Amino acid sequence: MLLLRLRVKFMMSIGCFQRNLCAASSPLVPVRPPSPMETHLWYILPDEVKSSKLLNRYFELLSPCEKEKVFRMHGDQLQQRTLLARTLVRTTIARYQTNSHVHPRSFKFKKNIYGKPEVEWQDLEDWHLPPLHFNLSHTSSLIACGVTVNSPIGIDVEEKQRKLRNNVLRFARRYFSPYEVELLAAISDPEYQRQEFIKLWTLKEAYVKALGRGFSAAPFKTFTIRFRAAMERAIHLSGHRDSEAFDIVVDSIDDPENLTNNWQFALLELASSHYAAICVEKDGTTGGKGTLPMKLTVRRTIPYLEDECVSGTAAVVAISGMT
């Protein structure tokens, strides 16, 4: 039914309807861009978006190619999720303006050689801010977009109750490094083991997406996520709430002595239902002297309807690496 409604909407004249809807809806609230080493995370809960008029408005923000992608999805849920994902990216980036106004519909996107999407900033004559980096991740029940300035970013969200088809260790041996498999094998409680697997997966996924090279160019088995200091003996992230208790670092399987400190991680529980991992390239001004917690601002949104800063609430629970 969603496909039919959007297709009819796409084919008919909508000028009068758009004017009425714009008058009845809230505008996008401008937001100050992230400062260096600050990250903004926006998320939508699809189940909260119930207005067909609002979905139609979102649809009109999309490019022809994006609209066709929505049409190709099978079933209402996939169509809505695809629509909301593209809407979240466009409306989020459009908020970061001060002396000019760029409509969310105006953005054009390209992909790097590995398929990571980027904004074609040179095509925006009215954009006077440093280029923003963004990354998108979604499940069936949550869609998130991370934003930084001048720092590549990768994010991943996974449902806390995600079920694995295979045995956890069998799955881990297929994708994880021996060190990570050993850490998981040391956890006797099956439920904790499953949760720690999901957390490791989100961290590895976020790192690969921050690199911008994709899974095929950076397979999970070629690097290890390590938890330094307090967490060296075992992962057991579930019981930790001190975000400065340990650092998350990456080392290459080819050079295990080289712990990569170029990237900063944050791991958190989001909306009580998801684990979220964020990976950003460090600011060179820190000089490599330790790792400061990531400054993170999290907002729940329904674009053109409501925004809520949820940082410091029960919707955002720090596990590691954030303030």
Protein backbone atom coordinates (compact mmCIF):
# COMPACT_ATOMS: atom_id res chain seq x y z
CA MET A 1 0.00 0.00 0.00
CA LEU A 2 2.86 2.41 0.75
CA LEU A 3 4.25 1.85 -2.75
CA LEU A 4 0.86 2.57 -4.33
CA ARG A 5 0.37 5.73 -2.28
CA LEU A 6 3.81 7.04 -3.13
CA ARG A 7 3.50 6.16 -6.81
CA VAL A 8 0.18 8.01 -7.06
CA LYS A 9 1.68 10.92 -5.18
CA PHE A 10 4.65 10.98 -7.53
CA MET A 11 2.46 11.09 -10.63
CA MET A 12 0.00 13.75 -9.54
CA SER A 13 0.28 17.50 -9.11
CA ILE A 14 1.18 18.27 -5.50
CA GLY A 15 1.86 21.99 -5.36
CA CYS A 16 -1.21 22.95 -3.37
CA PHE A 17 -0.83 20.04 -0.96
CA GLN A 18 2.83 20.87 -0.33
CA ARG A 19 2.02 24.48 0.51
CA ASN A 20 -0.63 23.40 3.00
CA LEU A 21 1.61 20.77 4.56
CA CYS A 22 4.55 23.12 4.88
CA ALA A 23 2.36 25.61 6.68
CA ALA A 24 1.15 22.93 9.08
CA SER A 25 4.55 21.30 9.79
CA SER A 26 7.52 22.44 11.84
CA PRO A 27 10.62 23.61 9.93
CA LEU A 28 13.97 21.90 10.31
CA VAL A 29 15.67 23.40 13.35
CA PRO A 30 19.21 24.63 12.50
CA VAL A 31 22.00 23.01 14.49
CA ARG A 32 25.56 24.16 15.13
CA PRO A 33 28.03 21.90 13.29
CA PRO A 34 30.09 19.51 15.41
CA SER A 35 33.32 20.92 16.79
CA PRO A 36 36.61 19.07 16.17
CA MET A 37 36.46 15.61 17.73
CA GLU A 38 32.74 16.01 18.35
CA THR A 39 30.19 13.65 16.83
CA HIS A 40 26.47 14.11 16.35
CA LEU A 41 24.24 11.05 16.14
CA TRP A 42 20.64 11.34 14.90
CA TYR A 43 18.17 8.48 14.87
CA ILE A 44 14.63 7.68 13.78
CA LEU A 45 12.40 4.95 15.18
CA PRO A 46 10.32 3.89 12.13
CA ASP A 47 7.39 2.77 14.27
CA GLU A 48 6.98 6.38 15.44
CA VAL A 49 6.39 7.67 11.89
CA LYS A 50 2.73 6.95 11.25
CA SER A 51 1.54 9.91 9.16
CA SER A 52 1.05 9.17 5.45
CA LYS A 53 1.14 12.92 4.77
CA LEU A 54 4.55 13.14 6.43
CA LEU A 55 5.82 10.15 4.45
CA ASN A 56 4.64 11.80 1.25
CA ARG A 57 6.50 14.95 2.20
CA TYR A 58 9.65 12.90 2.80
CA PHE A 59 9.20 11.26 -0.58
CA GLU A 60 9.32 14.64 -2.33
CA LEU A 61 12.77 15.30 -0.84
CA LEU A 62 14.31 12.37 -2.72
CA SER A 63 16.06 12.35 -6.06
CA PRO A 64 14.50 10.36 -8.95
CA CYS A 65 17.02 7.57 -8.36
CA GLU A 66 16.20 7.44 -4.67
CA LYS A 67 12.48 7.34 -5.43
CA GLU A 68 13.00 4.42 -7.78
CA LYS A 69 14.98 2.63 -5.08
CA VAL A 70 12.00 3.00 -2.75
CA PHE A 71 9.71 1.61 -5.47
CA ARG A 72 11.97 -1.44 -5.90
CA MET A 73 11.67 -2.46 -2.26
CA HIS A 74 9.22 -5.28 -1.58
CA GLY A 75 6.72 -4.66 1.21
CA ASP A 76 5.66 -1.60 3.17
CA GLN A 77 8.29 -1.96 5.89
CA LEU A 78 11.25 -2.08 3.49
CA GLN A 79 9.86 0.83 1.49
CA GLN A 80 9.33 2.95 4.59
CA ARG A 81 12.77 2.07 5.97
CA THR A 82 14.45 3.04 2.69
CA LEU A 83 12.46 6.27 2.52
CA LEU A 84 13.27 7.20 6.12
CA ALA A 85 16.98 6.44 5.68
CA ARG A 86 17.34 8.81 2.73
CA THR A 87 15.18 11.42 4.46
CA LEU A 88 17.30 11.26 7.60
CA VAL A 89 20.50 11.88 5.64
CA ARG A 90 19.10 14.80 3.67
CA THR A 91 17.34 16.56 6.54
CA THR A 92 20.23 16.04 8.95
CA ILE A 93 22.84 17.59 6.64
CA ALA A 94 20.50 20.46 5.78
CA ARG A 95 20.34 21.50 9.45
CA TYR A 96 24.01 22.48 9.60
CA GLN A 97 23.67 25.93 8.03
CA THR A 98 24.05 29.40 9.49
CA ASN A 99 23.92 32.23 6.96
CA SER A 100 22.37 30.35 4.06
CA HIS A 101 19.66 27.86 3.31
CA VAL A 102 20.10 24.72 1.25
CA HIS A 103 16.97 22.66 0.79
CA PRO A 104 17.32 18.95 1.65
CA ARG A 105 16.21 18.16 -1.90
CA SER A 106 19.23 20.04 -3.33
CA PHE A 107 21.92 17.63 -2.17
CA LYS A 108 23.60 15.40 -4.72
CA PHE A 109 25.49 12.31 -3.68
CA LYS A 110 28.33 10.28 -5.12
CA LYS A 111 30.12 7.11 -4.04
CA ASN A 112 33.82 6.52 -3.62
CA ILE A 113 35.47 3.63 -5.41
CA TYR A 114 34.37 1.27 -2.61
CA GLY A 115 30.76 2.45 -2.62
CA LYS A 116 30.70 4.74 0.44
CA PRO A 117 28.27 7.65 -0.22
CA GLU A 118 29.45 11.27 0.01
CA VAL A 119 27.90 14.65 -0.70
CA GLU A 120 29.04 16.45 -3.85
CA TRP A 121 29.89 19.66 -2.02
CA GLN A 122 31.23 21.48 -5.08
CA ASP A 123 27.71 21.56 -6.52
CA LEU A 124 26.37 23.59 -3.56
CA GLU A 125 27.06 27.25 -4.23
CA ASP A 126 25.33 28.41 -1.03
CA TRP A 127 27.21 26.07 1.31
CA HIS A 128 29.80 28.03 3.31
CA LEU A 129 30.72 25.50 5.99
CA PRO A 130 33.49 22.87 6.06
CA PRO A 131 32.39 19.62 4.38
CA LEU A 132 30.51 17.31 6.66
CA HIS A 133 31.21 13.60 6.88
CA PHE A 134 28.27 11.32 7.50
CA ASN A 135 27.48 7.65 7.78
CA LEU A 136 24.23 5.73 7.95
CA SER A 137 23.21 2.47 9.60
CA HIS A 138 19.84 0.86 10.19
CA THR A 139 17.95 -2.14 11.45
CA SER A 140 14.26 -2.89 11.00
CA SER A 141 13.45 -0.80 14.09
CA LEU A 142 16.03 2.02 14.15
CA ILE A 143 17.81 4.20 11.57
CA ALA A 144 20.85 6.26 12.61
CA CYS A 145 23.05 8.87 10.96
CA GLY A 146 26.39 10.04 12.37
CA VAL A 147 27.93 13.40 11.46
CA THR A 148 31.40 14.93 11.92
CA VAL A 149 33.38 17.82 10.43
CA ASN A 150 36.68 17.03 8.69
CA SER A 151 36.88 13.52 10.19
CA PRO A 152 35.84 10.33 8.42
CA ILE A 153 33.16 8.47 10.36
CA GLY A 154 31.65 5.01 10.40
CA ILE A 155 28.70 3.86 12.51
CA ASP A 156 26.83 0.62 13.02
CA VAL A 157 23.69 -0.21 14.97
CA GLU A 158 22.50 -3.69 15.86
CA GLU A 159 19.49 -4.90 17.81
CA LYS A 160 20.45 -6.13 21.26
CA GLN A 161 18.13 -9.10 20.81
CA ARG A 162 19.52 -10.02 17.40
CA LYS A 163 19.49 -13.78 17.00
CA LEU A 164 22.28 -15.63 15.26
CA ARG A 165 21.53 -18.50 12.93
CA ASN A 166 24.72 -20.31 13.86
CA ASN A 167 26.50 -21.03 17.10
CA VAL A 168 28.22 -17.84 18.30
CA LEU A 169 31.75 -19.29 18.29
CA ARG A 170 31.23 -20.98 14.92
CA PHE A 171 30.12 -17.65 13.49
CA ALA A 172 33.01 -15.83 15.20
CA ARG A 173 35.62 -18.25 13.83
CA ARG A 174 34.34 -17.45 10.33
CA TYR A 175 34.65 -13.67 10.65
CA PHE A 176 36.73 -12.72 13.70
CA SER A 177 40.44 -12.86 14.50
CA PRO A 178 41.83 -15.63 16.74
CA TYR A 179 42.27 -13.13 19.58
CA GLU A 180 38.61 -12.10 19.42
CA VAL A 181 37.44 -15.72 19.21
CA GLU A 182 39.53 -16.53 22.29
CA LEU A 183 37.91 -13.69 24.23
CA LEU A 184 34.43 -14.88 23.30
CA ALA A 185 35.29 -18.51 24.11
CA ALA A 186 36.29 -17.44 27.63
CA ILE A 187 32.71 -16.30 28.35
CA SER A 188 30.72 -19.22 29.76
CA ASP A 189 27.30 -17.57 29.87
CA PRO A 190 25.66 -18.03 26.42
CA GLU A 191 23.61 -14.84 26.66
CA TYR A 192 26.61 -12.69 27.62
CA GLN A 193 28.62 -14.35 24.88
CA ARG A 194 25.97 -13.45 22.31
CA GLN A 195 25.84 -9.84 23.51
CA GLU A 196 29.62 -9.46 23.42
CA PHE A 197 29.68 -10.89 19.91
CA ILE A 198 27.18 -8.25 18.78
CA LYS A 199 29.23 -5.46 20.40
CA LEU A 200 32.40 -6.65 18.70
CA TRP A 201 30.54 -6.89 15.40
CA THR A 202 29.29 -3.30 15.65
CA LEU A 203 32.79 -2.03 16.45
CA LYS A 204 34.35 -3.88 13.53
CA GLU A 205 31.58 -2.76 11.17
CA ALA A 206 31.98 0.88 12.25
CA TYR A 207 35.75 0.71 11.69
CA VAL A 208 35.41 -0.72 8.18
CA LYS A 209 32.82 1.92 7.29
CA ALA A 210 35.04 4.71 8.66
CA LEU A 211 37.88 3.48 6.47
CA GLY A 212 35.47 3.83 3.55
CA ARG A 213 36.78 0.70 1.88
CA GLY A 214 33.97 -1.76 2.41
CA PHE A 215 33.96 -5.31 3.73
CA SER A 216 35.61 -6.81 0.65
CA ALA A 217 38.60 -4.46 0.93
CA ALA A 218 38.89 -4.78 4.72
CA PRO A 219 37.61 -8.21 5.80
CA PHE A 220 36.87 -8.54 9.51
CA LYS A 221 39.50 -11.26 9.92
CA THR A 222 42.33 -8.96 8.83
CA PHE A 223 42.22 -6.82 11.99
CA THR A 224 41.56 -7.19 15.72
CA ILE A 225 39.59 -4.97 18.08
CA ARG A 226 41.46 -4.81 21.39
CA PHE A 227 40.33 -3.47 24.73
CA ARG A 228 43.40 -2.08 26.44
CA ALA A 229 44.18 -1.81 30.14
CA ALA A 230 41.23 -2.84 32.34
CA MET A 231 39.63 -4.94 29.63
CA GLU A 232 42.61 -6.99 28.53
CA ARG A 233 41.54 -10.20 30.31
CA ALA A 234 38.07 -10.45 28.79
CA ILE A 235 35.50 -8.30 27.08
CA HIS A 236 32.51 -8.39 29.45
CA LEU A 237 31.40 -4.93 28.39
CA SER A 238 27.92 -5.47 29.77
CA GLY A 239 28.85 -4.72 33.35
CA HIS A 240 30.91 -1.60 32.64
CA ARG A 241 29.54 1.90 32.74
CA ASP A 242 32.82 3.82 33.16
CA SER A 243 33.44 5.07 29.63
CA GLU A 244 37.07 5.93 30.46
CA ALA A 245 37.92 2.49 31.90
CA PHE A 246 39.56 1.31 28.70
CA ASP A 247 40.54 2.26 25.16
CA ILE A 248 39.39 0.46 22.04
CA VAL A 249 42.21 0.08 19.55
CA VAL A 250 42.78 -1.79 16.29
CA ASP A 251 45.73 -3.91 15.27
CA SER A 252 46.47 -5.53 11.95
CA ILE A 253 46.83 -9.29 11.66
CA ASP A 254 49.82 -8.69 9.40
CA ASP A 255 51.52 -6.53 12.04
CA PRO A 256 50.12 -7.46 15.47
CA GLU A 257 52.63 -5.28 17.33
CA ASN A 258 51.25 -2.17 15.69
CA LEU A 259 48.23 -0.94 17.62
CA THR A 260 46.46 1.60 15.43
CA ASN A 261 45.74 4.76 17.40
CA ASN A 262 44.49 6.80 14.44
CA TRP A 263 40.87 5.95 15.20
CA GLN A 264 38.62 6.72 18.11
CA PHE A 265 35.67 4.55 19.13
CA ALA A 266 32.52 4.95 21.16
CA LEU A 267 30.21 2.10 22.11
CA LEU A 268 26.78 2.68 23.62
CA GLU A 269 23.31 1.33 24.20
CA LEU A 270 20.77 3.29 22.18
CA ALA A 271 17.01 3.60 22.75
CA SER A 272 17.20 0.65 25.19
CA SER A 273 17.03 -1.71 22.23
CA HIS A 274 20.26 -1.35 20.24
CA TYR A 275 24.01 -1.34 20.50
CA ALA A 276 25.65 1.45 18.53
CA ALA A 277 29.32 1.79 17.64
CA ILE A 278 30.97 4.94 16.27
CA CYS A 279 34.44 5.18 14.77
CA VAL A 280 36.03 8.50 13.78
CA GLU A 281 39.50 9.49 12.70
CA LYS A 282 41.37 11.26 15.47
CA ASP A 283 42.17 14.95 15.41
CA GLY A 284 45.88 15.35 14.68
CA THR A 285 46.13 18.14 17.25
CA THR A 286 46.00 15.62 20.10
CA GLY A 287 49.51 14.54 19.19
CA GLY A 288 48.78 10.90 19.90
CA LYS A 289 48.99 11.43 23.66
CA GLY A 290 46.30 9.19 25.00
CA THR A 291 42.67 9.01 24.02
CA LEU A 292 40.14 11.56 25.17
CA PRO A 293 36.53 10.37 25.36
CA MET A 294 34.50 11.24 22.29
CA LYS A 295 32.17 14.17 22.75
CA LEU A 296 28.85 12.83 21.51
CA THR A 297 25.46 14.49 21.14
CA VAL A 298 22.53 12.19 20.37
CA ARG A 299 19.13 13.31 19.06
CA ARG A 300 15.96 11.38 18.30
CA THR A 301 14.04 12.92 15.43
CA ILE A 302 10.97 12.77 13.28
CA PRO A 303 11.96 15.33 10.63
CA TYR A 304 9.55 18.28 10.29
CA LEU A 305 7.64 17.08 13.34
CA GLU A 306 9.82 16.82 16.44
CA ASP A 307 13.41 16.66 17.64
CA GLU A 308 14.65 15.62 21.07
CA CYS A 309 18.16 15.71 22.48
CA VAL A 310 18.47 12.46 24.41
CA SER A 311 22.10 12.76 25.51
CA GLY A 312 22.32 12.16 29.24
CA THR A 313 18.99 10.32 29.34
CA ALA A 314 18.18 6.63 29.69
CA ALA A 315 18.01 6.45 25.88
CA VAL A 316 21.82 6.73 25.69
CA VAL A 317 23.93 4.54 27.96
CA ALA A 318 27.70 4.82 27.53
CA ILE A 319 29.66 1.59 27.43
CA SER A 320 33.00 2.95 26.25
CA GLY A 321 34.75 5.98 24.86
CA MET A 322 32.25 8.86 25.15
CA THR A 323 31.20 11.81 27.27
